[in-house]
Amino acid sequence: MFVIQEGLQFRITRKNEEVVASIGWKNVISMDKGPITIMQNGEPILKFKFEEIDFI
């Protein structure tokens, strides 16, 4: 299982808002290496983990 994170850092447009160029980023993070923690100012704010659960 993977977490895919994408974003747009900035774009260059013309007066009519046509996108001339853009630079973005994309990360693919494997979940099999353990939980992922999102931090802000050195403090954890979100944690993602994968667990298998047996349903009855």
N, C-alpha and C. Protein backbone atom coordinates (compact mmCIF):
# COMPACT_ATOMS: atom_id res chain seq x y z
N MET A 1 0.84 -1.17 0.00
CA MET A 1 0.00 0.00 0.00
C MET A 1 0.89 1.24 0.00
N PHE A 2 0.49 2.25 -0.75
CA PHE A 2 1.26 3.47 -0.88
C PHE A 2 0.40 4.70 -0.60
N VAL A 3 1.02 5.75 -0.09
CA VAL A 3 0.38 7.06 0.00
C VAL A 3 0.99 7.90 -1.11
N ILE A 4 0.15 8.53 -1.93
CA ILE A 4 0.64 9.40 -3.01
C ILE A 4 0.28 10.83 -2.65
N GLN A 5 1.29 11.67 -2.65
CA GLN A 5 1.14 13.07 -2.26
C GLN A 5 1.57 13.91 -3.46
N GLU A 6 0.70 14.83 -3.89
CA GLU A 6 1.02 15.68 -5.03
C GLU A 6 0.73 17.13 -4.69
N GLY A 7 1.45 18.02 -5.31
CA GLY A 7 1.19 19.43 -5.08
C GLY A 7 1.76 20.30 -6.18
N LEU A 8 1.29 21.52 -6.21
CA LEU A 8 1.75 22.50 -7.18
C LEU A 8 2.40 23.63 -6.42
N GLN A 9 3.68 23.85 -6.66
CA GLN A 9 4.38 24.90 -5.94
C GLN A 9 4.10 26.28 -6.54
N PHE A 10 4.14 26.39 -7.86
CA PHE A 10 3.79 27.66 -8.50
C PHE A 10 3.51 27.41 -9.98
N ARG A 11 2.88 28.38 -10.60
CA ARG A 11 2.63 28.29 -12.03
C ARG A 11 2.83 29.66 -12.67
N ILE A 12 3.12 29.64 -13.94
CA ILE A 12 3.32 30.87 -14.72
C ILE A 12 2.15 30.95 -15.70
N THR A 13 1.43 32.08 -15.69
CA THR A 13 0.27 32.24 -16.56
C THR A 13 0.40 33.50 -17.40
N ARG A 14 -0.41 33.55 -18.46
CA ARG A 14 -0.53 34.76 -19.27
C ARG A 14 -1.72 35.55 -18.73
N LYS A 15 -1.98 36.71 -19.33
CA LYS A 15 -3.10 37.55 -18.88
C LYS A 15 -4.44 36.83 -18.92
N ASN A 16 -4.61 35.93 -19.87
CA ASN A 16 -5.87 35.20 -19.99
C ASN A 16 -5.91 33.93 -19.13
N GLU A 17 -4.98 33.81 -18.18
CA GLU A 17 -4.90 32.69 -17.24
C GLU A 17 -4.48 31.37 -17.89
N GLU A 18 -3.97 31.41 -19.14
CA GLU A 18 -3.42 30.21 -19.75
C GLU A 18 -2.14 29.84 -19.00
N VAL A 19 -2.02 28.57 -18.60
CA VAL A 19 -0.82 28.14 -17.89
C VAL A 19 0.30 27.93 -18.90
N VAL A 20 1.37 28.69 -18.74
CA VAL A 20 2.52 28.61 -19.63
C VAL A 20 3.50 27.55 -19.12
N ALA A 21 3.72 27.51 -17.82
CA ALA A 21 4.63 26.54 -17.22
C ALA A 21 4.25 26.35 -15.76
N SER A 22 4.57 25.19 -15.22
CA SER A 22 4.33 24.95 -13.80
C SER A 22 5.40 23.99 -13.27
N ILE A 23 5.67 24.12 -12.02
CA ILE A 23 6.61 23.22 -11.35
C ILE A 23 5.89 22.66 -10.14
N GLY A 24 5.83 21.36 -10.06
CA GLY A 24 5.13 20.72 -8.95
C GLY A 24 5.96 19.59 -8.38
N TRP A 25 5.34 18.81 -7.52
CA TRP A 25 6.03 17.71 -6.88
C TRP A 25 5.07 16.55 -6.68
N LYS A 26 5.63 15.36 -6.57
CA LYS A 26 4.84 14.16 -6.33
C LYS A 26 5.70 13.18 -5.54
N ASN A 27 5.17 12.70 -4.44
CA ASN A 27 5.86 11.71 -3.62
C ASN A 27 5.01 10.45 -3.55
N VAL A 28 5.66 9.31 -3.64
CA VAL A 28 5.00 8.02 -3.43
C VAL A 28 5.67 7.40 -2.21
N ILE A 29 4.91 7.22 -1.14
CA ILE A 29 5.47 6.76 0.13
C ILE A 29 4.95 5.36 0.42
N SER A 30 5.86 4.42 0.60
CA SER A 30 5.49 3.04 0.91
C SER A 30 5.04 2.94 2.36
N MET A 31 3.93 2.27 2.60
CA MET A 31 3.41 2.11 3.95
C MET A 31 4.00 0.90 4.66
N ASP A 32 4.74 0.04 3.95
CA ASP A 32 5.26 -1.16 4.60
C ASP A 32 6.51 -0.91 5.44
N LYS A 33 6.96 0.33 5.55
CA LYS A 33 8.10 0.66 6.41
C LYS A 33 7.66 1.23 7.75
N GLY A 34 6.34 1.26 8.00
CA GLY A 34 5.84 1.76 9.28
C GLY A 34 4.97 2.98 9.12
N PRO A 35 4.45 3.51 10.24
CA PRO A 35 3.54 4.66 10.20
C PRO A 35 4.20 5.92 9.66
N ILE A 36 3.36 6.81 9.13
CA ILE A 36 3.81 8.12 8.63
C ILE A 36 3.24 9.17 9.58
N THR A 37 4.07 10.07 10.05
CA THR A 37 3.64 11.14 10.93
C THR A 37 3.87 12.48 10.24
N ILE A 38 2.83 13.32 10.20
CA ILE A 38 2.95 14.67 9.64
C ILE A 38 3.15 15.62 10.80
N MET A 39 4.21 16.43 10.71
CA MET A 39 4.59 17.30 11.81
C MET A 39 4.50 18.75 11.40
N GLN A 40 4.17 19.61 12.35
CA GLN A 40 4.16 21.05 12.15
C GLN A 40 4.85 21.68 13.35
N ASN A 41 5.87 22.49 13.07
CA ASN A 41 6.66 23.13 14.13
C ASN A 41 7.22 22.11 15.13
N GLY A 42 7.62 20.95 14.62
CA GLY A 42 8.21 19.92 15.47
C GLY A 42 7.22 19.09 16.27
N GLU A 43 5.91 19.34 16.10
CA GLU A 43 4.88 18.61 16.83
C GLU A 43 4.07 17.74 15.87
N PRO A 44 3.79 16.49 16.22
CA PRO A 44 2.97 15.64 15.36
C PRO A 44 1.52 16.12 15.32
N ILE A 45 0.95 16.22 14.09
CA ILE A 45 -0.45 16.64 13.97
C ILE A 45 -1.32 15.57 13.32
N LEU A 46 -0.75 14.69 12.51
CA LEU A 46 -1.48 13.58 11.89
C LEU A 46 -0.59 12.35 11.84
N LYS A 47 -1.19 11.16 11.98
CA LYS A 47 -0.43 9.92 11.87
C LYS A 47 -1.25 8.94 11.04
N PHE A 48 -0.61 8.34 10.05
CA PHE A 48 -1.25 7.34 9.19
C PHE A 48 -0.54 6.01 9.40
N LYS A 49 -1.33 4.95 9.59
CA LYS A 49 -0.75 3.61 9.67
C LYS A 49 -1.70 2.61 9.04
N PHE A 50 -1.17 1.50 8.61
CA PHE A 50 -1.93 0.46 7.93
C PHE A 50 -2.03 -0.73 8.86
N GLU A 51 -3.25 -1.16 9.12
CA GLU A 51 -3.48 -2.34 9.96
C GLU A 51 -4.45 -3.27 9.26
N GLU A 52 -4.16 -4.55 9.35
CA GLU A 52 -5.10 -5.54 8.83
C GLU A 52 -6.06 -5.90 9.95
N ILE A 53 -7.36 -5.88 9.64
CA ILE A 53 -8.39 -6.17 10.63
C ILE A 53 -9.26 -7.29 10.09
N ASP A 54 -9.52 -8.28 10.91
CA ASP A 54 -10.42 -9.37 10.54
C ASP A 54 -11.86 -8.93 10.81
N PHE A 55 -12.68 -8.98 9.77
CA PHE A 55 -14.11 -8.66 9.93
C PHE A 55 -14.89 -9.95 10.14
N ILE A 56 -15.86 -9.88 10.98
CA ILE A 56 -16.68 -11.06 11.27
C ILE A 56 -17.85 -11.12 10.32
